[in-house]
C-alpha atoms as a PDB file:
ATOM      1  CA  UNK A   1     103.265 119.467  97.519  1.00  0.00           C
ATOM      2  CA  UNK A   2     104.739 118.990 100.987  1.00  0.00           C
ATOM      3  CA  UNK A   3     102.363 116.035 101.480  1.00  0.00           C
ATOM      4  CA  UNK A   4     102.513 114.602  97.959  1.00  0.00           C
ATOM      5  CA  UNK A   5     106.302 114.528  97.539  1.00  0.00           C
ATOM      6  CA  UNK A   6     106.890 112.008 100.356  1.00  0.00           C
ATOM      7  CA  UNK A   7     104.318 109.676  98.810  1.00  0.00           C
ATOM      8  CA  UNK A   8     106.103 109.948  95.460  1.00  0.00           C
ATOM      9  CA  UNK A   9     109.417 109.239  97.208  1.00  0.00           C
ATOM     10  CA  UNK A  10     107.915 106.130  98.867  1.00  0.00           C
ATOM     11  CA  UNK A  11     106.612 104.838  95.540  1.00  0.00           C
ATOM     12  CA  UNK A  12     109.944 105.582  93.846  1.00  0.00           C
ATOM     13  CA  UNK A  13     111.742 103.673  96.617  1.00  0.00           C
ATOM     14  CA  UNK A  14     109.507 100.644  96.071  1.00  0.00           C
ATOM     15  CA  UNK A  15     110.024 100.828  92.298  1.00  0.00           C
ATOM     16  CA  UNK A  16     113.798 101.012  92.671  1.00  0.00           C
ATOM     17  CA  UNK A  17     113.805  98.143  95.155  1.00  0.00           C
ATOM     18  CA  UNK A  18     111.829  96.130  92.599  1.00  0.00           C
ATOM     19  CA  UNK A  19     114.967  96.047  90.455  1.00  0.00           C
ATOM     20  CA  UNK A  20     116.583  93.764  93.036  1.00  0.00           C
ATOM     21  CA  UNK A  21     115.673  90.103  92.678  1.00  0.00           C
ATOM     22  CA  UNK A  22     114.380  88.050  95.604  1.00  0.00           C
ATOM     23  CA  UNK A  23     115.594  86.988  98.165  1.00  0.00           C
ATOM     24  CA  UNK A  24     118.164  89.788  97.954  1.00  0.00           C
ATOM     25  CA  UNK A  25     115.382  92.404  97.836  1.00  0.00           C
ATOM     26  CA  UNK A  26     114.061  91.327 101.242  1.00  0.00           C
ATOM     27  CA  UNK A  27     117.496  91.210 102.839  1.00  0.00           C
ATOM     28  CA  UNK A  28     118.503  94.580 101.396  1.00  0.00           C
ATOM     29  CA  UNK A  29     115.294  96.121 102.762  1.00  0.00           C
ATOM     30  CA  UNK A  30     116.022  94.654 106.186  1.00  0.00           C
ATOM     31  CA  UNK A  31     119.345  96.501 106.112  1.00  0.00           C
ATOM     32  CA  UNK A  32     117.592  99.698 104.992  1.00  0.00           C
ATOM     33  CA  UNK A  33     115.096  99.596 107.869  1.00  0.00           C
ATOM     34  CA  UNK A  34     117.960  98.994 110.308  1.00  0.00           C
ATOM     35  CA  UNK A  35     119.671 102.105 108.973  1.00  0.00           C
ATOM     36  CA  UNK A  36     116.462 104.102 109.261  1.00  0.00           C
ATOM     37  CA  UNK A  37     116.238 103.046 112.899  1.00  0.00           C
ATOM     38  CA  UNK A  38     119.563 104.716 113.582  1.00  0.00           C
ATOM     39  CA  UNK A  39     118.789 107.910 111.649  1.00  0.00           C
ATOM     40  CA  UNK A  40     118.200 110.070 114.725  1.00  0.00           C
ATOM     41  CA  UNK A  41     121.160 108.820 116.785  1.00  0.00           C
ATOM     42  CA  UNK A  42     123.379 111.862 116.348  1.00  0.00           C
ATOM     43  CA  UNK A  43     120.975 114.488 117.601  1.00  0.00           C
ATOM     44  CA  UNK A  44     117.331 113.510 117.422  1.00  0.00           C
ATOM     45  CA  UNK A  45     116.582 115.372 120.613  1.00  0.00           C
ATOM     46  CA  UNK A  46     115.461 112.472 122.804  1.00  0.00           C
ATOM     47  CA  UNK A  47     118.875 111.860 124.354  1.00  0.00           C
ATOM     48  CA  UNK A  48     119.420 108.335 125.657  1.00  0.00           C
ATOM     49  CA  UNK A  49     115.929 107.257 124.475  1.00  0.00           C
ATOM     50  CA  UNK A  50     117.335 107.158 120.965  1.00  0.00           C
ATOM     51  CA  UNK A  51     119.354 104.054 121.942  1.00  0.00           C
ATOM     52  CA  UNK A  52     116.505 101.676 122.918  1.00  0.00           C
ATOM     53  CA  UNK A  53     114.632 102.613 119.745  1.00  0.00           C
ATOM     54  CA  UNK A  54     117.706 101.834 117.667  1.00  0.00           C
ATOM     55  CA  UNK A  55     118.105  98.485 119.470  1.00  0.00           C
ATOM     56  CA  UNK A  56     114.423  97.643 118.886  1.00  0.00           C
ATOM     57  CA  UNK A  57     114.703  98.518 115.205  1.00  0.00           C
ATOM     58  CA  UNK A  58     117.893  96.469 114.893  1.00  0.00           C
ATOM     59  CA  UNK A  59     116.052  93.436 116.319  1.00  0.00           C
ATOM     60  CA  UNK A  60     113.078  93.948 113.999  1.00  0.00           C
ATOM     61  CA  UNK A  61     115.449  94.367 111.027  1.00  0.00           C
ATOM     62  CA  UNK A  62     117.262  91.158 111.993  1.00  0.00           C
ATOM     63  CA  UNK A  63     113.937  89.316 111.988  1.00  0.00           C
ATOM     64  CA  UNK A  64     113.235  91.042 108.659  1.00  0.00           C
ATOM     65  CA  UNK A  65     116.112  89.191 107.047  1.00  0.00           C
ATOM     66  CA  UNK A  66     113.636  86.319 106.745  1.00  0.00           C
ATOM     67  CA  UNK A  67     110.280  88.116 106.966  1.00  0.00           C
ATOM     68  CA  UNK A  68     108.711  90.937 104.958  1.00  0.00           C
ATOM     69  CA  UNK A  69     106.239  91.403 107.819  1.00  0.00           C
ATOM     70  CA  UNK A  70     109.008  92.409 110.212  1.00  0.00           C
ATOM     71  CA  UNK A  71     110.415  94.843 107.661  1.00  0.00           C
ATOM     72  CA  UNK A  72     106.972  96.433 107.360  1.00  0.00           C
ATOM     73  CA  UNK A  73     106.728  96.615 111.153  1.00  0.00           C
ATOM     74  CA  UNK A  74     110.142  98.283 111.208  1.00  0.00           C
ATOM     75  CA  UNK A  75     108.962 100.994 108.802  1.00  0.00           C
ATOM     76  CA  UNK A  76     105.829 101.533 110.894  1.00  0.00           C
ATOM     77  CA  UNK A  77     107.949 101.841 114.049  1.00  0.00           C
ATOM     78  CA  UNK A  78     110.081 104.405 112.254  1.00  0.00           C
ATOM     79  CA  UNK A  79     106.912 106.270 111.266  1.00  0.00           C
ATOM     80  CA  UNK A  80     105.967 106.599 114.936  1.00  0.00           C
ATOM     81  CA  UNK A  81     109.481 107.778 115.761  1.00  0.00           C
ATOM     82  CA  UNK A  82     109.303 110.333 112.920  1.00  0.00           C
ATOM     83  CA  UNK A  83     106.032 111.724 114.273  1.00  0.00           C
ATOM     84  CA  UNK A  84     107.518 111.983 117.778  1.00  0.00           C
ATOM     85  CA  UNK A  85     110.519 113.871 116.407  1.00  0.00           C
ATOM     86  CA  UNK A  86     108.345 116.092 114.261  1.00  0.00           C
ATOM     87  CA  UNK A  87     106.209 117.049 117.281  1.00  0.00           C
ATOM     88  CA  UNK A  88     108.784 117.183 120.103  1.00  0.00           C
ATOM     89  CA  UNK A  89     112.286 116.359 118.885  1.00  0.00           C
ATOM     90  CA  UNK A  90     114.614 117.533 116.151  1.00  0.00           C
ATOM     91  CA  UNK A  91     114.024 116.974 112.421  1.00  0.00           C
ATOM     92  CA  UNK A  92     115.787 114.103 110.705  1.00  0.00           C
ATOM     93  CA  UNK A  93     117.508 116.657 108.453  1.00  0.00           C
ATOM     94  CA  UNK A  94     118.491 119.668 110.549  1.00  0.00           C
ATOM     95  CA  UNK A  95     118.328 122.023 107.548  1.00  0.00           C
ATOM     96  CA  UNK A  96     114.772 120.915 106.608  1.00  0.00           C
ATOM     97  CA  UNK A  97     112.281 121.730 109.387  1.00  0.00           C
ATOM     98  CA  UNK A  98     109.491 119.414 108.100  1.00  0.00           C
ATOM     99  CA  UNK A  99     111.758 116.511 107.103  1.00  0.00           C
ATOM    100  CA  UNK A 100     110.517 114.253 109.920  1.00  0.00           C
ATOM    101  CA  UNK A 101     106.928 114.899 108.872  1.00  0.00           C
ATOM    102  CA  UNK A 102     107.831 114.026 105.274  1.00  0.00           C
ATOM    103  CA  UNK A 103     109.500 110.854 106.478  1.00  0.00           C
ATOM    104  CA  UNK A 104     106.401 110.013 108.540  1.00  0.00           C
ATOM    105  CA  UNK A 105     104.334 110.231 105.337  1.00  0.00           C
ATOM    106  CA  UNK A 106     106.816 108.304 103.169  1.00  0.00           C
ATOM    107  CA  UNK A 107     107.494 105.414 105.559  1.00  0.00           C
ATOM    108  CA  UNK A 108     103.942 103.993 105.657  1.00  0.00           C
ATOM    109  CA  UNK A 109     103.972 103.801 101.851  1.00  0.00           C
ATOM    110  CA  UNK A 110     107.077 101.626 102.071  1.00  0.00           C
ATOM    111  CA  UNK A 111     105.587  99.688 105.011  1.00  0.00           C
ATOM    112  CA  UNK A 112     102.452  98.816 103.039  1.00  0.00           C
ATOM    113  CA  UNK A 113     104.579  97.534 100.167  1.00  0.00           C
ATOM    114  CA  UNK A 114     106.624  95.443 102.606  1.00  0.00           C
ATOM    115  CA  UNK A 115     103.547  94.080 104.367  1.00  0.00           C
ATOM    116  CA  UNK A 116     102.314  92.926 100.936  1.00  0.00           C
ATOM    117  CA  UNK A 117     105.528  90.902 100.616  1.00  0.00           C
ATOM    118  CA  UNK A 118     107.632  93.447  98.716  1.00  0.00           C
ATOM    119  CA  UNK A 119     106.359  92.426  95.284  1.00  0.00           C
ATOM    120  CA  UNK A 120     108.098  93.632  92.151  1.00  0.00           C
ATOM    121  CA  UNK A 121     106.207  96.753  91.132  1.00  0.00           C
ATOM    122  CA  UNK A 122     107.982  96.643  87.781  1.00  0.00           C
ATOM    123  CA  UNK A 123     106.409  93.251  87.024  1.00  0.00           C
ATOM    124  CA  UNK A 124     103.048  94.647  88.129  1.00  0.00           C
ATOM    125  CA  UNK A 125     103.383  97.652  85.805  1.00  0.00           C
ATOM    126  CA  UNK A 126     104.388  95.339  82.941  1.00  0.00           C
ATOM    127  CA  UNK A 127     101.252  93.271  83.530  1.00  0.00           C
ATOM    128  CA  UNK A 128      99.060  96.380  83.535  1.00  0.00           C
ATOM    129  CA  UNK A 129     100.575  98.012  80.464  1.00  0.00           C
ATOM    130  CA  UNK A 130     101.916  94.996  78.566  1.00  0.00           C
ATOM    131  CA  UNK A 131     100.325  93.555  75.461  1.00  0.00           C
ATOM    132  CA  UNK A 132      96.741  92.560  76.067  1.00  0.00           C
ATOM    133  CA  UNK A 133      94.847  89.748  74.445  1.00  0.00           C
ATOM    134  CA  UNK A 134      91.902  90.701  72.302  1.00  0.00           C
ATOM    135  CA  UNK A 135      88.695  88.760  71.888  1.00  0.00           C
ATOM    136  CA  UNK A 136      89.568  88.109  68.215  1.00  0.00           C
ATOM    137  CA  UNK A 137      92.965  86.681  69.162  1.00  0.00           C
ATOM    138  CA  UNK A 138      91.385  84.388  71.754  1.00  0.00           C
ATOM    139  CA  UNK A 139      88.704  83.282  69.262  1.00  0.00           C
ATOM    140  CA  UNK A 140      91.288  82.465  66.564  1.00  0.00           C
ATOM    141  CA  UNK A 141      93.396  80.509  69.046  1.00  0.00           C
ATOM    142  CA  UNK A 142      90.384  78.538  70.272  1.00  0.00           C
ATOM    143  CA  UNK A 143      89.073  77.762  66.786  1.00  0.00           C
ATOM    144  CA  UNK A 144      92.460  76.643  65.477  1.00  0.00           C
ATOM    145  CA  UNK A 145      92.898  74.386  68.504  1.00  0.00           C
ATOM    146  CA  UNK A 146      89.519  72.752  67.965  1.00  0.00           C
ATOM    147  CA  UNK A 147      90.106  72.201  64.221  1.00  0.00           C
ATOM    148  CA  UNK A 148      93.456  70.491  64.739  1.00  0.00           C
ATOM    149  CA  UNK A 149      93.467  66.793  63.828  1.00  0.00           C
ATOM    150  CA  UNK A 150      93.254  64.414  66.775  1.00  0.00           C
END
């Protein structure tokens, strides 16, 4: 479950973000990736190296205000930083030893969604599970259209 939960969290994040209409969804996600870039600032274990990473993420997030690709790149950068902290630094949540590993699993899920343009997953689910057209319905529609007077 330690590997599955972060994936579920990533999917839930993308679903919740789908409630926000564009272009606000993109801009809000740029702010979120900027915040993630600063997550280790108060004790990540890499001392002054935490600052250049935060500056890099801030730049990528700024570019993300107008580009889903940059937001995805920001989440992938954070994934690398999570792995580094999981292996050599301090966890993102000091009371949860494997929290950086969980974050490193969750972040690529969000990154993939962002690199696909941050589409509304709610609209996608509605298309998959919404009312479907049957062959009979299509046949009736086609026959009534062809029998209409010209």
